[in-house]
Full PDB file with SEQRES, HELIX, SHEET, SSBOND, CRYST1, ORIGX, SCALE, CONECT and MASTER records, all heavy atoms in Angstrom:
SEQRES   1 A   43  SER GLU VAL VAL GLU LEU THR ALA LYS ILE ARG ALA ILE          
SEQRES   2 A   43  ASP HIS ASP TYR ARG LEU VAL THR LEU VAL SER GLU ASP          
SEQRES   3 A   43  GLY GLU VAL GLU THR ILE TYR ALA GLY PRO GLU VAL LYS          
SEQRES   4 A   43  ARG PHE ASP GLU                                              
SHEET    1 AA1 3 ALA A   8  ASP A  14  0                                        
SHEET    2 AA1 3 LEU A  19  SER A  24 -1                                        
SHEET    3 AA1 3 VAL A  29  TYR A  33 -1                                        
CRYST1    1.000    1.000    1.000  90.00  90.00  90.00 P 1           1          
ORIGX1      1.000000  0.000000  0.000000        0.00000                         
ORIGX2      0.000000  1.000000  0.000000        0.00000                         
ORIGX3      0.000000  0.000000  1.000000        0.00000                         
SCALE1      1.000000  0.000000  0.000000        0.00000                         
SCALE2      0.000000  1.000000  0.000000        0.00000                         
SCALE3      0.000000  0.000000  1.000000        0.00000                         
ATOM      1  N   SER A   1      53.178-184.914  40.680  1.00  0.00           N  
ATOM      2  CA  SER A   1      53.016-185.973  41.661  1.00  0.00           C  
ATOM      3  C   SER A   1      54.159-186.985  41.456  1.00  0.00           C  
ATOM      4  O   SER A   1      54.166-187.752  40.524  1.00  0.00           O  
ATOM      5  CB  SER A   1      51.648-186.655  41.498  1.00  0.00           C  
ATOM      6  OG  SER A   1      51.464-187.140  40.193  1.00  0.00           O  
ATOM      7  N   GLU A   2      55.110-186.940  42.347  1.00  0.00           N  
ATOM      8  CA  GLU A   2      56.309-187.810  42.313  1.00  0.00           C  
ATOM      9  C   GLU A   2      56.966-187.713  43.677  1.00  0.00           C  
ATOM     10  O   GLU A   2      56.507-187.041  44.581  1.00  0.00           O  
ATOM     11  CB  GLU A   2      57.257-187.348  41.220  1.00  0.00           C  
ATOM     12  CG  GLU A   2      57.706-185.896  41.390  1.00  0.00           C  
ATOM     13  CD  GLU A   2      58.465-185.360  40.194  1.00  0.00           C  
ATOM     14  OE1 GLU A   2      58.104-185.635  39.057  1.00  0.00           O  
ATOM     15  OE2 GLU A   2      59.413-184.639  40.439  1.00  0.00           O  
ATOM     16  N   VAL A   3      58.104-188.376  43.831  1.00  0.00           N  
ATOM     17  CA  VAL A   3      58.846-188.308  45.079  1.00  0.00           C  
ATOM     18  C   VAL A   3      59.778-187.083  44.991  1.00  0.00           C  
ATOM     19  O   VAL A   3      60.521-186.933  44.036  1.00  0.00           O  
ATOM     20  CB  VAL A   3      59.662-189.584  45.321  1.00  0.00           C  
ATOM     21  CG1 VAL A   3      60.515-189.429  46.586  1.00  0.00           C  
ATOM     22  CG2 VAL A   3      58.748-190.789  45.428  1.00  0.00           C  
ATOM     23  N   VAL A   4      59.662-186.230  45.976  1.00  0.00           N  
ATOM     24  CA  VAL A   4      60.553-185.069  46.082  1.00  0.00           C  
ATOM     25  C   VAL A   4      61.401-185.326  47.310  1.00  0.00           C  
ATOM     26  O   VAL A   4      60.867-185.619  48.396  1.00  0.00           O  
ATOM     27  CB  VAL A   4      59.787-183.756  46.212  1.00  0.00           C  
ATOM     28  CG1 VAL A   4      60.713-182.597  46.427  1.00  0.00           C  
ATOM     29  CG2 VAL A   4      58.904-183.548  45.011  1.00  0.00           C  
ATOM     30  N   GLU A   5      62.722-185.240  47.172  1.00  0.00           N  
ATOM     31  CA  GLU A   5      63.617-185.520  48.292  1.00  0.00           C  
ATOM     32  C   GLU A   5      64.433-184.279  48.625  1.00  0.00           C  
ATOM     33  O   GLU A   5      64.975-183.639  47.742  1.00  0.00           O  
ATOM     34  CB  GLU A   5      64.540-186.671  47.917  1.00  0.00           C  
ATOM     35  CG  GLU A   5      65.437-187.088  49.073  1.00  0.00           C  
ATOM     36  CD  GLU A   5      66.210-188.373  48.761  1.00  0.00           C  
ATOM     37  OE1 GLU A   5      65.597-189.433  48.593  1.00  0.00           O  
ATOM     38  OE2 GLU A   5      67.438-188.262  48.679  1.00  0.00           O  
ATOM     39  N   LEU A   6      64.447-183.940  49.900  1.00  0.00           N  
ATOM     40  CA  LEU A   6      65.274-182.829  50.408  1.00  0.00           C  
ATOM     41  C   LEU A   6      66.172-183.405  51.495  1.00  0.00           C  
ATOM     42  O   LEU A   6      65.728-184.157  52.347  1.00  0.00           O  
ATOM     43  CB  LEU A   6      64.379-181.744  50.996  1.00  0.00           C  
ATOM     44  CG  LEU A   6      63.411-181.059  50.047  1.00  0.00           C  
ATOM     45  CD1 LEU A   6      62.436-180.217  50.808  1.00  0.00           C  
ATOM     46  CD2 LEU A   6      64.157-180.222  49.032  1.00  0.00           C  
ATOM     47  N   THR A   7      67.419-183.004  51.463  1.00  0.00           N  
ATOM     48  CA  THR A   7      68.376-183.462  52.468  1.00  0.00           C  
ATOM     49  C   THR A   7      68.998-182.246  53.122  1.00  0.00           C  
ATOM     50  O   THR A   7      69.313-181.265  52.433  1.00  0.00           O  
ATOM     51  CB  THR A   7      69.453-184.340  51.839  1.00  0.00           C  
ATOM     52  OG1 THR A   7      68.833-185.444  51.204  1.00  0.00           O  
ATOM     53  CG2 THR A   7      70.433-184.861  52.865  1.00  0.00           C  
ATOM     54  N   ALA A   8      69.190-182.316  54.429  1.00  0.00           N  
ATOM     55  CA  ALA A   8      69.798-181.230  55.177  1.00  0.00           C  
ATOM     56  C   ALA A   8      70.628-181.776  56.320  1.00  0.00           C  
ATOM     57  O   ALA A   8      70.405-182.902  56.751  1.00  0.00           O  
ATOM     58  CB  ALA A   8      68.708-180.285  55.725  1.00  0.00           C  
ATOM     59  N   LYS A   9      71.565-180.984  56.775  1.00  0.00           N  
ATOM     60  CA  LYS A   9      72.375-181.365  57.926  1.00  0.00           C  
ATOM     61  C   LYS A   9      71.937-180.500  59.124  1.00  0.00           C  
ATOM     62  O   LYS A   9      71.607-179.320  58.962  1.00  0.00           O  
ATOM     63  CB  LYS A   9      73.853-181.131  57.662  1.00  0.00           C  
ATOM     64  CG  LYS A   9      74.436-182.132  56.701  1.00  0.00           C  
ATOM     65  CD  LYS A   9      75.842-182.478  57.127  1.00  0.00           C  
ATOM     66  CE  LYS A   9      76.464-183.505  56.230  1.00  0.00           C  
ATOM     67  NZ  LYS A   9      76.248-184.864  56.643  1.00  0.00           N  
ATOM     68  N   ILE A  10      71.962-181.110  60.299  1.00  0.00           N  
ATOM     69  CA  ILE A  10      71.659-180.347  61.507  1.00  0.00           C  
ATOM     70  C   ILE A  10      72.893-179.525  61.859  1.00  0.00           C  
ATOM     71  O   ILE A  10      73.975-180.060  62.061  1.00  0.00           O  
ATOM     72  CB  ILE A  10      71.276-181.287  62.648  1.00  0.00           C  
ATOM     73  CG1 ILE A  10      69.991-182.066  62.305  1.00  0.00           C  
ATOM     74  CG2 ILE A  10      71.083-180.483  63.947  1.00  0.00           C  
ATOM     75  CD1 ILE A  10      69.540-183.075  63.342  1.00  0.00           C  
ATOM     76  N   ARG A  11      72.689-178.195  61.898  1.00  0.00           N  
ATOM     77  CA  ARG A  11      73.765-177.278  62.234  1.00  0.00           C  
ATOM     78  C   ARG A  11      73.786-176.956  63.710  1.00  0.00           C  
ATOM     79  O   ARG A  11      74.849-176.788  64.307  1.00  0.00           O  
ATOM     80  CB  ARG A  11      73.634-175.997  61.436  1.00  0.00           C  
ATOM     81  CG  ARG A  11      74.703-174.966  61.792  1.00  0.00           C  
ATOM     82  CD  ARG A  11      74.503-173.656  61.114  1.00  0.00           C  
ATOM     83  NE  ARG A  11      75.109-173.712  59.784  1.00  0.00           N  
ATOM     84  CZ  ARG A  11      75.075-172.714  58.932  1.00  0.00           C  
ATOM     85  NH1 ARG A  11      74.448-171.607  59.234  1.00  0.00           N  
ATOM     86  NH2 ARG A  11      75.657-172.805  57.765  1.00  0.00           N  
ATOM     87  N   ALA A  12      72.603-176.841  64.320  1.00  0.00           N  
ATOM     88  CA  ALA A  12      72.495-176.500  65.746  1.00  0.00           C  
ATOM     89  C   ALA A  12      71.212-177.036  66.316  1.00  0.00           C  
ATOM     90  O   ALA A  12      70.224-177.188  65.576  1.00  0.00           O  
ATOM     91  CB  ALA A  12      72.567-174.976  65.913  1.00  0.00           C  
ATOM     92  N   ILE A  13      71.203-177.285  67.627  1.00  0.00           N  
ATOM     93  CA  ILE A  13      70.015-177.746  68.318  1.00  0.00           C  
ATOM     94  C   ILE A  13      69.866-176.961  69.614  1.00  0.00           C  
ATOM     95  O   ILE A  13      70.837-176.857  70.387  1.00  0.00           O  
ATOM     96  CB  ILE A  13      70.097-179.229  68.671  1.00  0.00           C  
ATOM     97  CG1 ILE A  13      70.280-180.095  67.396  1.00  0.00           C  
ATOM     98  CG2 ILE A  13      68.847-179.686  69.450  1.00  0.00           C  
ATOM     99  CD1 ILE A  13      70.578-181.539  67.689  1.00  0.00           C  
ATOM    100  N   ASP A  14      68.734-176.334  69.823  1.00  0.00           N  
ATOM    101  CA  ASP A  14      68.415-175.637  71.054  1.00  0.00           C  
ATOM    102  C   ASP A  14      67.449-176.521  71.812  1.00  0.00           C  
ATOM    103  O   ASP A  14      66.255-176.586  71.547  1.00  0.00           O  
ATOM    104  CB  ASP A  14      67.777-174.281  70.774  1.00  0.00           C  
ATOM    105  CG  ASP A  14      67.460-173.500  72.026  1.00  0.00           C  
ATOM    106  OD1 ASP A  14      67.217-174.093  73.092  1.00  0.00           O  
ATOM    107  OD2 ASP A  14      67.444-172.240  71.932  1.00  0.00           O  
ATOM    108  N   HIS A  15      67.974-177.275  72.777  1.00  0.00           N  
ATOM    109  CA  HIS A  15      67.178-178.260  73.528  1.00  0.00           C  
ATOM    110  C   HIS A  15      66.107-177.599  74.369  1.00  0.00           C  
ATOM    111  O   HIS A  15      65.040-178.155  74.588  1.00  0.00           O  
ATOM    112  CB  HIS A  15      68.083-179.152  74.363  1.00  0.00           C  
ATOM    113  CG  HIS A  15      68.862-180.130  73.519  1.00  0.00           C  
ATOM    114  ND1 HIS A  15      68.357-181.310  73.090  1.00  0.00           N  
ATOM    115  CD2 HIS A  15      70.114-180.025  73.007  1.00  0.00           C  
ATOM    116  CE1 HIS A  15      69.262-181.927  72.362  1.00  0.00           C  
ATOM    117  NE2 HIS A  15      70.339-181.173  72.298  1.00  0.00           N  
ATOM    118  N   ASP A  16      66.377-176.422  74.919  1.00  0.00           N  
ATOM    119  CA  ASP A  16      65.397-175.729  75.774  1.00  0.00           C  
ATOM    120  C   ASP A  16      64.149-175.362  75.021  1.00  0.00           C  
ATOM    121  O   ASP A  16      63.030-175.505  75.529  1.00  0.00           O  
ATOM    122  CB  ASP A  16      66.010-174.483  76.414  1.00  0.00           C  
ATOM    123  CG  ASP A  16      67.140-174.787  77.394  1.00  0.00           C  
ATOM    124  OD1 ASP A  16      67.126-175.900  77.984  1.00  0.00           O  
ATOM    125  OD2 ASP A  16      68.025-173.947  77.562  1.00  0.00           O  
ATOM    126  N   TYR A  17      64.322-174.859  73.801  1.00  0.00           N  
ATOM    127  CA  TYR A  17      63.179-174.399  73.005  1.00  0.00           C  
ATOM    128  C   TYR A  17      62.781-175.389  71.889  1.00  0.00           C  
ATOM    129  O   TYR A  17      61.903-175.086  71.091  1.00  0.00           O  
ATOM    130  CB  TYR A  17      63.437-173.034  72.427  1.00  0.00           C  
ATOM    131  CG  TYR A  17      63.542-171.984  73.495  1.00  0.00           C  
ATOM    132  CD1 TYR A  17      64.787-171.520  73.931  1.00  0.00           C  
ATOM    133  CD2 TYR A  17      62.367-171.480  74.108  1.00  0.00           C  
ATOM    134  CE1 TYR A  17      64.847-170.554  74.935  1.00  0.00           C  
ATOM    135  CE2 TYR A  17      62.468-170.529  75.096  1.00  0.00           C  
ATOM    136  CZ  TYR A  17      63.717-170.088  75.507  1.00  0.00           C  
ATOM    137  OH  TYR A  17      63.786-169.121  76.499  1.00  0.00           O  
ATOM    138  N   ARG A  18      63.476-176.538  71.825  1.00  0.00           N  
ATOM    139  CA  ARG A  18      63.215-177.583  70.825  1.00  0.00           C  
ATOM    140  C   ARG A  18      63.328-177.021  69.391  1.00  0.00           C  
ATOM    141  O   ARG A  18      62.490-177.318  68.518  1.00  0.00           O  
ATOM    142  CB  ARG A  18      61.869-178.259  71.046  1.00  0.00           C  
ATOM    143  CG  ARG A  18      61.799-178.985  72.381  1.00  0.00           C  
ATOM    144  CD  ARG A  18      60.491-179.698  72.597  1.00  0.00           C  
ATOM    145  NE  ARG A  18      60.243-180.746  71.648  1.00  0.00           N  
ATOM    146  CZ  ARG A  18      60.546-182.044  71.845  1.00  0.00           C  
ATOM    147  NH1 ARG A  18      61.100-182.424  72.964  1.00  0.00           N  
ATOM    148  NH2 ARG A  18      60.289-182.943  70.932  1.00  0.00           N  
ATOM    149  N   LEU A  19      64.357-176.258  69.144  1.00  0.00           N  
ATOM    150  CA  LEU A  19      64.620-175.687  67.819  1.00  0.00           C  
ATOM    151  C   LEU A  19      65.777-176.425  67.191  1.00  0.00           C  
ATOM    152  O   LEU A  19      66.786-176.692  67.810  1.00  0.00           O  
ATOM    153  CB  LEU A  19      64.941-174.179  67.944  1.00  0.00           C  
ATOM    154  CG  LEU A  19      63.833-173.326  68.519  1.00  0.00           C  
ATOM    155  CD1 LEU A  19      64.327-171.892  68.697  1.00  0.00           C  
ATOM    156  CD2 LEU A  19      62.581-173.368  67.625  1.00  0.00           C  
ATOM    157  N   VAL A  20      65.615-176.727  65.902  1.00  0.00           N  
ATOM    158  CA  VAL A  20      66.650-177.391  65.106  1.00  0.00           C  
ATOM    159  C   VAL A  20      66.985-176.494  63.944  1.00  0.00           C  
ATOM    160  O   VAL A  20      66.106-176.115  63.170  1.00  0.00           O  
ATOM    161  CB  VAL A  20      66.156-178.778  64.620  1.00  0.00           C  
ATOM    162  CG1 VAL A  20      67.235-179.460  63.817  1.00  0.00           C  
ATOM    163  CG2 VAL A  20      65.718-179.655  65.772  1.00  0.00           C  
ATOM    164  N   THR A  21      68.254-176.172  63.792  1.00  0.00           N  
ATOM    165  CA  THR A  21      68.711-175.397  62.648  1.00  0.00           C  
ATOM    166  C   THR A  21      69.288-176.347  61.629  1.00  0.00           C  
ATOM    167  O   THR A  21      70.188-177.116  61.937  1.00  0.00           O  
ATOM    168  CB  THR A  21      69.763-174.343  63.060  1.00  0.00           C  
ATOM    169  OG1 THR A  21      69.189-173.486  64.053  1.00  0.00           O  
ATOM    170  CG2 THR A  21      70.215-173.509  61.869  1.00  0.00           C  
ATOM    171  N   LEU A  22      68.700-176.306  60.415  1.00  0.00           N  
ATOM    172  CA  LEU A  22      69.085-177.194  59.334  1.00  0.00           C  
ATOM    173  C   LEU A  22      69.697-176.382  58.187  1.00  0.00           C  
ATOM    174  O   LEU A  22      69.277-175.255  57.924  1.00  0.00           O  
ATOM    175  CB  LEU A  22      67.869-177.937  58.803  1.00  0.00           C  
ATOM    176  CG  LEU A  22      67.172-178.850  59.801  1.00  0.00           C  
ATOM    177  CD1 LEU A  22      65.789-179.252  59.316  1.00  0.00           C  
ATOM    178  CD2 LEU A  22      68.002-180.087  60.097  1.00  0.00           C  
ATOM    179  N   VAL A  23      70.659-176.999  57.508  1.00  0.00           N  
ATOM    180  CA  VAL A  23      71.285-176.391  56.334  1.00  0.00           C  
ATOM    181  C   VAL A  23      71.050-177.379  55.179  1.00  0.00           C  
ATOM    182  O   VAL A  23      71.514-178.509  55.238  1.00  0.00           O  
ATOM    183  CB  VAL A  23      72.780-176.126  56.511  1.00  0.00           C  
ATOM    184  CG1 VAL A  23      73.375-175.491  55.257  1.00  0.00           C  
ATOM    185  CG2 VAL A  23      73.021-175.263  57.726  1.00  0.00           C  
ATOM    186  N   SER A  24      70.342-176.921  54.129  1.00  0.00           N  
ATOM    187  CA  SER A  24      70.066-177.787  52.989  1.00  0.00           C  
ATOM    188  C   SER A  24      71.318-177.903  52.110  1.00  0.00           C  
ATOM    189  O   SER A  24      72.307-177.173  52.308  1.00  0.00           O  
ATOM    190  CB  SER A  24      68.910-177.228  52.176  1.00  0.00           C  
ATOM    191  OG  SER A  24      69.290-176.014  51.534  1.00  0.00           O  
ATOM    192  N   GLU A  25      71.270-178.820  51.166  1.00  0.00           N  
ATOM    193  CA  GLU A  25      72.404-179.030  50.273  1.00  0.00           C  
ATOM    194  C   GLU A  25      72.769-177.784  49.473  1.00  0.00           C  
ATOM    195  O   GLU A  25      73.936-177.586  49.131  1.00  0.00           O  
ATOM    196  CB  GLU A  25      72.071-180.168  49.296  1.00  0.00           C  
ATOM    197  CG  GLU A  25      71.970-181.512  49.987  1.00  0.00           C  
ATOM    198  CD  GLU A  25      71.474-182.610  49.085  1.00  0.00           C  
ATOM    199  OE1 GLU A  25      70.698-182.338  48.135  1.00  0.00           O  
ATOM    200  OE2 GLU A  25      71.867-183.774  49.305  1.00  0.00           O  
ATOM    201  N   ASP A  26      71.804-176.893  49.215  1.00  0.00           N  
ATOM    202  CA  ASP A  26      72.100-175.660  48.473  1.00  0.00           C  
ATOM    203  C   ASP A  26      72.445-174.486  49.369  1.00  0.00           C  
ATOM    204  O   ASP A  26      72.498-173.343  48.946  1.00  0.00           O  
ATOM    205  CB  ASP A  26      70.983-175.323  47.502  1.00  0.00           C  
ATOM    206  CG  ASP A  26      69.660-175.011  48.199  1.00  0.00           C  
ATOM    207  OD1 ASP A  26      69.623-175.066  49.424  1.00  0.00           O  
ATOM    208  OD2 ASP A  26      68.696-174.686  47.475  1.00  0.00           O  
ATOM    209  N   GLY A  27      72.626-174.737  50.692  1.00  0.00           N  
ATOM    210  CA  GLY A  27      73.035-173.715  51.596  1.00  0.00           C  
ATOM    211  C   GLY A  27      71.920-172.956  52.318  1.00  0.00           C  
ATOM    212  O   GLY A  27      72.197-172.066  53.116  1.00  0.00           O  
ATOM    213  N   GLU A  28      70.657-173.301  52.028  1.00  0.00           N  
ATOM    214  CA  GLU A  28      69.532-172.648  52.715  1.00  0.00           C  
ATOM    215  C   GLU A  28      69.576-173.029  54.197  1.00  0.00           C  
ATOM    216  O   GLU A  28      69.712-174.213  54.537  1.00  0.00           O  
ATOM    217  CB  GLU A  28      68.209-173.111  52.138  1.00  0.00           C  
ATOM    218  CG  GLU A  28      67.847-172.500  50.800  1.00  0.00           C  
ATOM    219  CD  GLU A  28      67.402-171.055  50.925  1.00  0.00           C  
ATOM    220  OE1 GLU A  28      66.697-170.721  51.907  1.00  0.00           O  
ATOM    221  OE2 GLU A  28      67.766-170.278  50.056  1.00  0.00           O  
ATOM    222  N   VAL A  29      69.416-172.032  55.054  1.00  0.00           N  
ATOM    223  CA  VAL A  29      69.376-172.272  56.491  1.00  0.00           C  
ATOM    224  C   VAL A  29      67.974-172.054  56.968  1.00  0.00           C  
ATOM    225  O   VAL A  29      67.348-171.039  56.650  1.00  0.00           O  
ATOM    226  CB  VAL A  29      70.359-171.334  57.239  1.00  0.00           C  
ATOM    227  CG1 VAL A  29      70.289-171.535  58.733  1.00  0.00           C  
ATOM    228  CG2 VAL A  29      71.788-171.532  56.717  1.00  0.00           C  
ATOM    229  N   GLU A  30      67.486-173.000  57.743  1.00  0.00           N  
ATOM    230  CA  GLU A  30      66.106-172.930  58.269  1.00  0.00           C  
ATOM    231  C   GLU A  30      66.116-173.413  59.697  1.00  0.00           C  
ATOM    232  O   GLU A  30      66.660-174.496  59.999  1.00  0.00           O  
ATOM    233  CB  GLU A  30      65.197-173.790  57.403  1.00  0.00           C  
ATOM    234  CG  GLU A  30      63.737-173.631  57.726  1.00  0.00           C  
ATOM    235  CD  GLU A  30      63.175-172.294  57.252  1.00  0.00           C  
ATOM    236  OE1 GLU A  30      63.571-171.805  56.213  1.00  0.00           O  
ATOM    237  OE2 GLU A  30      62.312-171.778  58.001  1.00  0.00           O  
ATOM    238  N   THR A  31      65.532-172.647  60.608  1.00  0.00           N  
ATOM    239  CA  THR A  31      65.373-173.096  61.981  1.00  0.00           C  
ATOM    240  C   THR A  31      63.907-173.460  62.153  1.00  0.00           C  
ATOM    241  O   THR A  31      63.012-172.690  61.838  1.00  0.00           O  
ATOM    242  CB  THR A  31      65.767-172.003  62.985  1.00  0.00           C  
ATOM    243  OG1 THR A  31      67.168-171.688  62.757  1.00  0.00           O  
ATOM    244  CG2 THR A  31      65.598-172.478  64.424  1.00  0.00           C  
ATOM    245  N   ILE A  32      63.679-174.661  62.665  1.00  0.00           N  
ATOM    246  CA  ILE A  32      62.324-175.163  62.807  1.00  0.00           C  
ATOM    247  C   ILE A  32      62.090-175.627  64.229  1.00  0.00           C  
ATOM    248  O   ILE A  32      63.019-175.976  64.952  1.00  0.00           O  
ATOM    249  CB  ILE A  32      62.042-176.320  61.817  1.00  0.00           C  
ATOM    250  CG1 ILE A  32      63.061-177.430  62.001  1.00  0.00           C  
ATOM    251  CG2 ILE A  32      62.041-175.823  60.391  1.00  0.00           C  
ATOM    252  CD1 ILE A  32      62.787-178.650  61.215  1.00  0.00           C  
ATOM    253  N   TYR A  33      60.844-175.639  64.610  1.00  0.00           N  
ATOM    254  CA  TYR A  33      60.402-176.135  65.930  1.00  0.00           C  
ATOM    255  C   TYR A  33      60.073-177.603  65.831  1.00  0.00           C  
ATOM    256  O   TYR A  33      59.301-178.019  64.969  1.00  0.00           O  
ATOM    257  CB  TYR A  33      59.203-175.304  66.396  1.00  0.00           C  
ATOM    258  CG  TYR A  33      58.550-175.862  67.646  1.00  0.00           C  
ATOM    259  CD1 TYR A  33      59.187-175.740  68.862  1.00  0.00           C  
ATOM    260  CD2 TYR A  33      57.307-176.475  67.573  1.00  0.00           C  
ATOM    261  CE1 TYR A  33      58.570-176.245  70.014  1.00  0.00           C  
ATOM    262  CE2 TYR A  33      56.715-176.969  68.731  1.00  0.00           C  
ATOM    263  CZ  TYR A  33      57.361-176.851  69.954  1.00  0.00           C  
ATOM    264  OH  TYR A  33      56.758-177.337  71.064  1.00  0.00           O  
ATOM    265  N   ALA A  34      60.664-178.404  66.697  1.00  0.00           N  
ATOM    266  CA  ALA A  34      60.330-179.836  66.757  1.00  0.00           C  
ATOM    267  C   ALA A  34      59.408-180.033  67.949  1.00  0.00           C  
ATOM    268  O   ALA A  34      59.833-180.065  69.085  1.00  0.00           O  
ATOM    269  CB  ALA A  34      61.598-180.659  66.915  1.00  0.00           C  
ATOM    270  N   GLY A  35      58.118-180.121  67.649  1.00  0.00           N  
ATOM    271  CA  GLY A  35      57.085-180.207  68.707  1.00  0.00           C  
ATOM    272  C   GLY A  35      57.194-181.488  69.535  1.00  0.00           C  
ATOM    273  O   GLY A  35      58.030-182.355  69.267  1.00  0.00           O  
ATOM    274  N   PRO A  36      56.337-181.591  70.531  1.00  0.00           N  
ATOM    275  CA  PRO A  36      56.375-182.740  71.436  1.00  0.00           C  
ATOM    276  C   PRO A  36      56.079-184.076  70.732  1.00  0.00           C  
ATOM    277  O   PRO A  36      56.398-185.122  71.278  1.00  0.00           O  
ATOM    278  CB  PRO A  36      55.324-182.415  72.489  1.00  0.00           C  
ATOM    279  CG  PRO A  36      54.447-181.373  71.862  1.00  0.00           C  
ATOM    280  CD  PRO A  36      55.292-180.643  70.863  1.00  0.00           C  
ATOM    281  N   GLU A  37      55.485-184.018  69.548  1.00  0.00           N  
ATOM    282  CA  GLU A  37      55.236-185.253  68.806  1.00  0.00           C  
ATOM    283  C   GLU A  37      56.525-185.907  68.300  1.00  0.00           C  
ATOM    284  O   GLU A  37      56.559-187.063  67.924  1.00  0.00           O  
ATOM    285  CB  GLU A  37      54.252-185.065  67.668  1.00  0.00           C  
ATOM    286  CG  GLU A  37      54.745-184.136  66.556  1.00  0.00           C  
ATOM    287  CD  GLU A  37      54.601-182.656  66.868  1.00  0.00           C  
ATOM    288  OE1 GLU A  37      54.094-182.275  67.945  1.00  0.00           O  
ATOM    289  OE2 GLU A  37      54.986-181.867  66.020  1.00  0.00           O  
ATOM    290  N   VAL A  38      57.632-185.154  68.271  1.00  0.00           N  
ATOM    291  CA  VAL A  38      58.950-185.696  67.916  1.00  0.00           C  
ATOM    292  C   VAL A  38      59.492-186.348  69.185  1.00  0.00           C  
ATOM    293  O   VAL A  38      60.191-185.721  69.975  1.00  0.00           O  
ATOM    294  CB  VAL A  38      59.889-184.629  67.349  1.00  0.00           C  
ATOM    295  CG1 VAL A  38      61.239-185.219  66.979  1.00  0.00           C  
ATOM    296  CG2 VAL A  38      59.246-183.925  66.178  1.00  0.00           C  
ATOM    297  N   LYS A  39      59.156-187.602  69.412  1.00  0.00           N  
ATOM    298  CA  LYS A  39      59.455-188.312  70.669  1.00  0.00           C  
ATOM    299  C   LYS A  39      60.963-188.557  70.867  1.00  0.00           C  
ATOM    300  O   LYS A  39      61.415-188.624  71.995  1.00  0.00           O  
ATOM    301  CB  LYS A  39      58.715-189.653  70.737  1.00  0.00           C  
ATOM    302  CG  LYS A  39      57.219-189.515  70.653  1.00  0.00           C  
ATOM    303  CD  LYS A  39      56.664-188.834  71.866  1.00  0.00           C  
ATOM    304  CE  LYS A  39      55.147-188.803  71.837  1.00  0.00           C  
ATOM    305  NZ  LYS A  39      54.601-187.853  72.722  1.00  0.00           N  
ATOM    306  N   ARG A  40      61.728-188.692  69.815  1.00  0.00           N  
ATOM    307  CA  ARG A  40      63.133-189.001  69.942  1.00  0.00           C  
ATOM    308  C   ARG A  40      64.012-187.778  69.688  1.00  0.00           C  
ATOM    309  O   ARG A  40      65.169-187.859  69.251  1.00  0.00           O  
ATOM    310  CB  ARG A  40      63.483-190.136  68.978  1.00  0.00           C  
ATOM    311  CG  ARG A  40      62.714-191.408  69.351  1.00  0.00           C  
ATOM    312  CD  ARG A  40      62.934-192.551  68.363  1.00  0.00           C  
ATOM    313  NE  ARG A  40      64.288-193.041  68.428  1.00  0.00           N  
ATOM    314  CZ  ARG A  40      64.750-193.987  67.621  1.00  0.00           C  
ATOM    315  NH1 ARG A  40      63.962-194.538  66.729  1.00  0.00           N  
ATOM    316  NH2 ARG A  40      65.979-194.387  67.719  1.00  0.00           N  
ATOM    317  N   PHE A  41      63.474-186.595  70.035  1.00  0.00           N  
ATOM    318  CA  PHE A  41      64.190-185.330  69.840  1.00  0.00           C  
ATOM    319  C   PHE A  41      65.593-185.338  70.457  1.00  0.00           C  
ATOM    320  O   PHE A  41      66.577-184.876  69.879  1.00  0.00           O  
ATOM    321  CB  PHE A  41      63.347-184.192  70.396  1.00  0.00           C  
ATOM    322  CG  PHE A  41      64.033-182.853  70.354  1.00  0.00           C  
ATOM    323  CD1 PHE A  41      64.091-182.149  69.160  1.00  0.00           C  
ATOM    324  CD2 PHE A  41      64.617-182.293  71.510  1.00  0.00           C  
ATOM    325  CE1 PHE A  41      64.741-180.912  69.094  1.00  0.00           C  
ATOM    326  CE2 PHE A  41      65.248-181.046  71.422  1.00  0.00           C  
ATOM    327  CZ  PHE A  41      65.313-180.389  70.232  1.00  0.00           C  
ATOM    328  N   ASP A  42      65.697-185.878  71.679  1.00  0.00           N  
ATOM    329  CA  ASP A  42      66.976-185.856  72.378  1.00  0.00           C  
ATOM    330  C   ASP A  42      68.056-186.714  71.712  1.00  0.00           C  
ATOM    331  O   ASP A  42      69.240-186.609  72.035  1.00  0.00           O  
ATOM    332  CB  ASP A  42      66.799-186.289  73.834  1.00  0.00           C  
ATOM    333  CG  ASP A  42      66.030-185.272  74.652  1.00  0.00           C  
ATOM    334  OD1 ASP A  42      66.081-184.059  74.303  1.00  0.00           O  
ATOM    335  OD2 ASP A  42      65.357-185.655  75.621  1.00  0.00           O  
ATOM    336  N   GLU A  43      67.659-187.548  70.755  1.00  0.00           N  
ATOM    337  CA  GLU A  43      68.653-188.376  70.049  1.00  0.00           C  
ATOM    338  C   GLU A  43      69.260-187.642  68.836  1.00  0.00           C  
ATOM    339  O   GLU A  43      70.237-188.120  68.269  1.00  0.00           O  
ATOM    340  CB  GLU A  43      67.984-189.672  69.577  1.00  0.00           C  
ATOM    341  CG  GLU A  43      67.537-190.553  70.709  1.00  0.00           C  
ATOM    342  CD  GLU A  43      66.835-191.808  70.224  1.00  0.00           C  
ATOM    343  OE1 GLU A  43      67.236-192.367  69.176  1.00  0.00           O  
ATOM    344  OE2 GLU A  43      65.879-192.212  70.909  1.00  0.00           O  
TER     345      GLU A  43                                                      
MASTER        0    0    0    0    3    0    0    6  344    1    0    4          
END                                                                             
C-alpha cells in the first residue's frame, strides 16, 4: 500500500474509435479505449 506511479507518452490517437496508444517508460505499448466518461478526449 503506497503510491505507484506510471508514466507513458501518447503515441497515437484514433478519434473515430476513441483509442489511445500509449508507450510506457520501459517501452511497453498498450492501446486502450477512452470511454465517453473521458469528457476532454479531444484535447
